Protein backbone atom coordinates (compact mmCIF):
# COMPACT_ATOMS: atom_id res chain seq x y z
CA MET A 1 23.29 12.11 -12.86
CA SER A 2 23.89 9.25 -15.27
CA ARG A 3 21.48 6.35 -15.53
CA PRO A 4 23.93 3.72 -14.14
CA LEU A 5 24.60 5.98 -11.14
CA GLN A 6 20.87 6.40 -10.58
CA VAL A 7 20.38 2.63 -10.65
CA ALA A 8 23.33 2.19 -8.27
CA VAL A 9 21.89 4.73 -5.81
CA VAL A 10 18.49 3.01 -5.81
CA VAL A 11 20.00 -0.48 -5.43
CA ALA A 12 22.23 0.77 -2.61
CA GLY A 13 19.15 2.24 -0.92
CA TYR A 14 17.38 -1.10 -1.05
CA GLY A 15 20.54 -2.76 0.26
CA ALA A 16 20.45 -0.33 3.19
CA ALA A 17 16.79 -1.23 3.74
CA ILE A 18 17.66 -4.93 3.88
CA ALA A 19 20.48 -4.18 6.31
CA ALA A 20 18.10 -2.15 8.48
CA ALA A 21 15.65 -5.07 8.53
CA ILE A 22 18.41 -7.46 9.62
CA VAL A 23 19.58 -5.09 12.36
CA ALA A 24 15.99 -4.59 13.54
CA ALA A 25 15.44 -8.36 13.71
CA ARG A 26 18.61 -8.84 15.75
CA MET A 27 17.63 -6.04 18.12
CA TYR A 28 14.19 -7.60 18.53
CA ASN A 29 15.74 -11.01 19.24
CA ALA A 30 18.09 -9.48 21.82
CA ARG A 31 15.16 -7.80 23.58
CA VAL A 32 12.92 -10.88 23.48
CA ALA A 33 15.69 -13.21 24.67
CA ALA A 34 15.70 -11.29 27.96
CA LEU A 35 12.00 -12.03 28.58
CA PRO A 36 11.29 -14.62 31.28
CA TYR A 37 8.90 -16.93 29.38
CA ASP A 38 9.41 -18.70 26.09
CA THR A 39 5.98 -20.22 25.63
CA SER A 40 4.87 -18.23 22.61
CA GLY A 41 7.52 -18.84 19.98
CA GLY A 42 5.15 -18.24 17.09
CA MET A 43 4.08 -14.90 18.50
CA TYR A 44 7.71 -13.87 18.97
CA ALA A 45 8.48 -14.88 15.39
CA ALA A 46 5.52 -12.90 14.07
CA GLY A 47 6.63 -9.90 16.12
CA GLU A 48 10.13 -10.18 14.71
CA ALA A 49 8.76 -10.39 11.18
CA MET A 50 6.61 -7.29 11.67
CA TYR A 51 9.44 -5.40 13.34
CA SER A 52 11.93 -6.16 10.57
CA LEU A 53 9.35 -5.56 7.83
CA GLY A 54 8.52 -2.18 9.35
CA ALA A 55 12.20 -1.22 9.41
CA PHE A 56 12.62 -2.38 5.82
CA LEU A 57 9.60 -0.43 4.59
CA ALA A 58 10.59 2.74 6.43
CA VAL A 59 14.10 2.73 4.95
CA ALA A 60 12.96 1.49 1.51
CA LEU A 61 10.68 4.50 1.17
CA VAL A 62 13.68 6.71 0.32
CA PRO A 63 15.05 4.67 -2.63
CA THR A 64 11.51 4.10 -3.89
CA LEU A 65 10.83 7.83 -3.98
CA LEU A 66 14.22 8.39 -5.61
CA ALA A 67 13.42 5.79 -8.27
CA LEU A 68 10.08 7.49 -8.96
CA TRP A 69 11.85 10.85 -9.19
CA PHE A 70 14.44 9.43 -11.59
CA LEU A 71 11.62 8.02 -13.75
CA ARG A 72 9.91 11.40 -13.90
CA GLY A 73 10.97 11.99 -17.50
CA HIS A 74 9.40 8.78 -18.82
CA GLU A 75 5.89 9.71 -19.93
CA LYS A 76 4.91 6.18 -20.97
CA PHE A 77 5.78 4.85 -17.51
CA TRP A 78 3.69 7.51 -15.78
CA ASN A 79 0.75 7.04 -18.13
CA ARG A 80 0.81 3.32 -17.36
CA VAL A 81 1.00 4.06 -13.63
CA ALA A 82 -1.93 6.45 -13.97
CA VAL A 83 -4.07 3.94 -15.89
CA ALA A 84 -3.19 1.15 -13.42
CA SER A 85 -3.98 3.40 -10.45
CA LEU A 86 -7.30 4.40 -11.95
CA ALA A 87 -8.19 0.77 -12.73
CA PHE A 88 -7.24 -0.26 -9.18
CA ALA A 89 -9.38 2.49 -7.66
CA VAL A 90 -12.38 1.67 -9.87
CA ALA A 91 -12.07 -2.05 -9.08
CA GLY A 92 -11.89 -1.18 -5.39
CA LEU A 93 -14.98 1.00 -5.58
CA LEU A 94 -16.88 -1.77 -7.35
CA ALA A 95 -15.72 -4.25 -4.70
CA VAL A 96 -16.85 -1.91 -1.92
CA LEU A 97 -20.26 -1.34 -3.51
CA THR A 98 -20.90 -4.99 -4.48
CA PRO A 99 -22.43 -5.97 -1.08
CA LEU A 100 -25.18 -3.41 -1.72
CA VAL A 101 -26.26 -5.33 -4.81
CA THR A 102 -25.72 -8.95 -3.84
CA ARG A 103 -26.15 -10.80 -0.57
CA SER A 104 -24.92 -14.23 -1.63
CA THR A 105 -21.64 -15.32 -0.05
CA GLY A 106 -21.51 -18.86 -1.41
CA HIS A 107 -19.49 -18.06 -4.51
CA VAL A 108 -15.69 -17.88 -4.41
CA ALA A 109 -15.55 -14.89 -6.77
CA LEU A 110 -17.83 -12.90 -4.46
CA ALA A 111 -15.68 -13.85 -1.47
CA LEU A 112 -12.56 -12.62 -3.28
CA LEU A 113 -14.37 -9.43 -4.29
CA GLY A 114 -15.38 -8.93 -0.67
CA LEU A 115 -11.76 -9.37 0.38
CA LEU A 116 -10.68 -6.74 -2.16
CA GLY A 117 -13.40 -4.45 -0.84
CA LEU A 118 -12.16 -4.87 2.73
CA ALA A 119 -8.59 -4.20 1.61
CA GLN A 120 -9.77 -1.03 -0.12
CA LEU A 121 -11.73 0.13 2.94
CA LEU A 122 -8.73 -0.39 5.21
CA GLY A 123 -6.06 0.78 2.76
CA MET A 124 -7.83 3.89 1.54
CA PRO A 125 -5.53 6.36 3.37
CA LEU A 126 -2.43 4.66 1.98
CA TRP A 127 -3.76 4.51 -1.59
CA SER A 128 -4.98 8.12 -1.46
CA LEU A 129 -1.58 9.35 -0.32
CA ALA A 130 0.25 7.19 -2.86
CA PHE A 131 -1.90 8.37 -5.77
CA ALA A 132 -1.57 12.00 -4.65
CA LEU A 133 2.21 11.60 -4.47
CA PHE A 134 2.20 10.00 -7.92
CA ALA A 135 0.12 12.93 -9.22
CA PHE A 136 2.69 15.35 -7.79
CA LEU A 137 5.53 13.47 -9.50
CA ALA A 138 3.79 12.80 -12.82
CA PRO A 139 5.30 14.81 -15.68
CA THR A 140 2.20 15.15 -17.88
CA ARG A 141 -1.13 16.82 -17.29
CA GLU A 142 -3.00 13.76 -18.58
CA ALA A 143 -1.30 11.43 -16.08
CA ARG A 144 -1.87 13.91 -13.24
CA ARG A 145 -5.55 14.18 -14.13
CA LYS A 146 -5.99 10.39 -14.09
CA LEU A 147 -4.14 10.08 -10.80
CA LEU A 148 -6.18 12.85 -9.17
CA PHE A 149 -9.33 11.12 -10.39
CA ALA A 150 -8.05 7.94 -8.70
CA VAL A 151 -7.55 9.99 -5.50
CA GLY A 152 -11.16 11.15 -5.80
CA ILE A 153 -12.39 7.58 -6.14
CA GLU A 154 -10.35 6.59 -3.10
CA LEU A 155 -11.97 9.44 -1.15
CA VAL A 156 -15.38 8.09 -2.15
CA ILE A 157 -14.22 4.69 -0.83
CA GLY A 158 -13.24 6.48 2.39
CA ALA A 159 -16.73 7.92 2.67
CA CYS A 160 -18.10 4.40 2.14
CA ALA A 161 -15.82 3.20 4.94
CA LEU A 162 -17.15 5.87 7.30
CA VAL A 163 -20.73 4.89 6.48
CA HIS A 164 -19.91 1.19 6.75
CA TRP A 165 -18.32 1.42 10.19
CA PHE A 166 -19.98 4.38 11.88
CA VAL A 167 -23.58 4.38 10.68
CA PRO A 168 -25.67 1.83 12.57
CA ALA A 169 -27.10 -0.97 10.46
CA SER A 170 -30.82 -1.28 10.05
CA PRO A 171 -32.45 -3.94 12.27
CA LEU A 172 -33.69 -5.88 9.21
């Protein structure tokens, strides 16, 4: 398949995702318009946004995977993805482990690091699956090794999440 055709297929896929989001929003509006009370307009709008975003993301998964497959032959791209994934996982692990070292919450940088740590704790399944998929698609052994190492770090973050939420805190 030629490169312009590949680009056209991916762009058409994202166009279909946008169309799916618009259709989902209209369907949501049609369903909500039949409800008896209109006292929570903001909640309805947030529901519509989540509904259409979910439809967009579900449909956009196909062109995204196609784009990654089409980029499979570009070693520089995959090495950059691998390095970025590894850096993201390491930064997340540091953010998750930072509360063990420091207790001060008055500094803005620590608050942002805590927010990154929370995002890593909650997003660990998504990041693990994404990095594993990237490792499957990566064309070089070096990129696969880095991506699998990032998956390992994300699994350590998952273990930290289990300890954080399911092990009772000390009474101190």
